[in-house]
Amino acid sequence: MSADFKALNSLLDQLIGLGENPIELDFWRDFFHTLNENEKKALISSFTREVKDLETLSRKKNPVKLDRGKAL
């Protein structure tokens, strides 16, 4: 398994964890193998931005409340 495909799988797993539809994301796993190297890197970059955006949105909806004196 190539490093790019591992990176894509990791990003898609993160998106599933953030509530995205796993069936739709399986399409991208299959489609990835039809792309050239530049397209693969662009797809990974796109999913990286999406993960960051969803994580930011998730934090805004559910802010972490820190309790002074307790370990994180």
C-alpha atoms as a PDB file:
ATOM      1  CA  MET A   1       0.000   0.000   0.000  1.00  0.00           C
ATOM      2  CA  SER A   2       1.461   3.340  -1.033  1.00  0.00           C
ATOM      3  CA  ALA A   3       2.102   6.127   1.441  1.00  0.00           C
ATOM      4  CA  ASP A   4      -0.430   8.309  -0.397  1.00  0.00           C
ATOM      5  CA  PHE A   5      -3.123   5.648  -0.088  1.00  0.00           C
ATOM      6  CA  LYS A   6      -2.340   5.215   3.610  1.00  0.00           C
ATOM      7  CA  ALA A   7      -2.662   8.973   4.058  1.00  0.00           C
ATOM      8  CA  LEU A   8      -5.995   8.965   2.232  1.00  0.00           C
ATOM      9  CA  ASN A   9      -7.281   6.067   4.347  1.00  0.00           C
ATOM     10  CA  SER A  10      -6.285   7.879   7.517  1.00  0.00           C
ATOM     11  CA  LEU A  11      -8.074  11.063   6.429  1.00  0.00           C
ATOM     12  CA  LEU A  12     -11.208   9.161   5.424  1.00  0.00           C
ATOM     13  CA  ASP A  13     -11.232   7.349   8.769  1.00  0.00           C
ATOM     14  CA  GLN A  14     -10.993  10.725  10.510  1.00  0.00           C
ATOM     15  CA  LEU A  15     -13.914  12.026   8.448  1.00  0.00           C
ATOM     16  CA  ILE A  16     -15.990   8.983   9.385  1.00  0.00           C
ATOM     17  CA  GLY A  17     -15.151   9.692  13.022  1.00  0.00           C
ATOM     18  CA  LEU A  18     -16.371  13.254  12.498  1.00  0.00           C
ATOM     19  CA  GLY A  19     -19.739  12.005  11.258  1.00  0.00           C
ATOM     20  CA  GLU A  20     -19.309  11.764   7.498  1.00  0.00           C
ATOM     21  CA  ASN A  21     -21.074   8.989   5.570  1.00  0.00           C
ATOM     22  CA  PRO A  22     -18.766   5.938   5.320  1.00  0.00           C
ATOM     23  CA  ILE A  23     -20.470   4.602   2.173  1.00  0.00           C
ATOM     24  CA  GLU A  24     -19.784   7.827   0.280  1.00  0.00           C
ATOM     25  CA  LEU A  25     -16.187   7.838   1.480  1.00  0.00           C
ATOM     26  CA  ASP A  26     -15.616   4.287   0.215  1.00  0.00           C
ATOM     27  CA  PHE A  27     -16.130   5.694  -3.278  1.00  0.00           C
ATOM     28  CA  TRP A  28     -13.016   7.834  -2.817  1.00  0.00           C
ATOM     29  CA  ARG A  29     -10.939   4.824  -1.753  1.00  0.00           C
ATOM     30  CA  ASP A  30     -11.816   3.096  -5.036  1.00  0.00           C
ATOM     31  CA  PHE A  31     -11.567   6.234  -7.172  1.00  0.00           C
ATOM     32  CA  PHE A  32      -8.119   7.078  -5.769  1.00  0.00           C
ATOM     33  CA  HIS A  33      -6.504   4.255  -7.762  1.00  0.00           C
ATOM     34  CA  THR A  34      -7.641   5.792 -11.066  1.00  0.00           C
ATOM     35  CA  LEU A  35      -5.838   9.093 -10.456  1.00  0.00           C
ATOM     36  CA  ASN A  36      -2.369  10.216 -11.497  1.00  0.00           C
ATOM     37  CA  GLU A  37       0.146  11.344  -8.850  1.00  0.00           C
ATOM     38  CA  ASN A  38      -0.760  15.049  -9.007  1.00  0.00           C
ATOM     39  CA  GLU A  39      -4.470  14.288  -8.731  1.00  0.00           C
ATOM     40  CA  LYS A  40      -3.813  11.989  -5.763  1.00  0.00           C
ATOM     41  CA  LYS A  41      -1.903  14.721  -3.950  1.00  0.00           C
ATOM     42  CA  ALA A  42      -4.671  17.250  -4.707  1.00  0.00           C
ATOM     43  CA  LEU A  43      -7.322  14.865  -3.365  1.00  0.00           C
ATOM     44  CA  ILE A  44      -5.323  14.268  -0.175  1.00  0.00           C
ATOM     45  CA  SER A  45      -4.877  18.020   0.247  1.00  0.00           C
ATOM     46  CA  SER A  46      -8.600  18.567  -0.196  1.00  0.00           C
ATOM     47  CA  PHE A  47      -9.501  15.949   2.409  1.00  0.00           C
ATOM     48  CA  THR A  48      -6.866  17.363   4.789  1.00  0.00           C
ATOM     49  CA  ARG A  49      -8.565  20.776   4.608  1.00  0.00           C
ATOM     50  CA  GLU A  50     -11.980  19.161   5.110  1.00  0.00           C
ATOM     51  CA  VAL A  51     -10.804  17.297   8.224  1.00  0.00           C
ATOM     52  CA  LYS A  52      -9.346  20.518   9.676  1.00  0.00           C
ATOM     53  CA  ASP A  53     -12.550  22.444   8.907  1.00  0.00           C
ATOM     54  CA  LEU A  54     -14.752  19.778  10.511  1.00  0.00           C
ATOM     55  CA  GLU A  55     -12.501  19.557  13.572  1.00  0.00           C
ATOM     56  CA  THR A  56     -12.667  23.339  13.964  1.00  0.00           C
ATOM     57  CA  LEU A  57     -16.444  23.308  13.593  1.00  0.00           C
ATOM     58  CA  SER A  58     -16.719  20.456  16.089  1.00  0.00           C
ATOM     59  CA  ARG A  59     -14.629  22.370  18.645  1.00  0.00           C
ATOM     60  CA  LYS A  60     -16.789  25.470  18.193  1.00  0.00           C
ATOM     61  CA  LYS A  61     -19.961  23.441  18.798  1.00  0.00           C
ATOM     62  CA  ASN A  62     -18.474  21.553  21.752  1.00  0.00           C
ATOM     63  CA  PRO A  63     -15.815  23.724  23.354  1.00  0.00           C
ATOM     64  CA  VAL A  64     -13.527  21.914  25.750  1.00  0.00           C
ATOM     65  CA  LYS A  65     -13.899  23.275  29.246  1.00  0.00           C
ATOM     66  CA  LEU A  66     -10.669  23.128  31.189  1.00  0.00           C
ATOM     67  CA  ASP A  67     -10.809  22.635  34.927  1.00  0.00           C
ATOM     68  CA  ARG A  68      -7.808  24.226  36.561  1.00  0.00           C
ATOM     69  CA  GLY A  69      -5.857  21.782  38.664  1.00  0.00           C
ATOM     70  CA  LYS A  70      -6.928  18.683  36.707  1.00  0.00           C
ATOM     71  CA  ALA A  71      -4.729  16.959  34.184  1.00  0.00           C
ATOM     72  CA  LEU A  72      -5.908  16.895  30.595  1.00  0.00           C
END
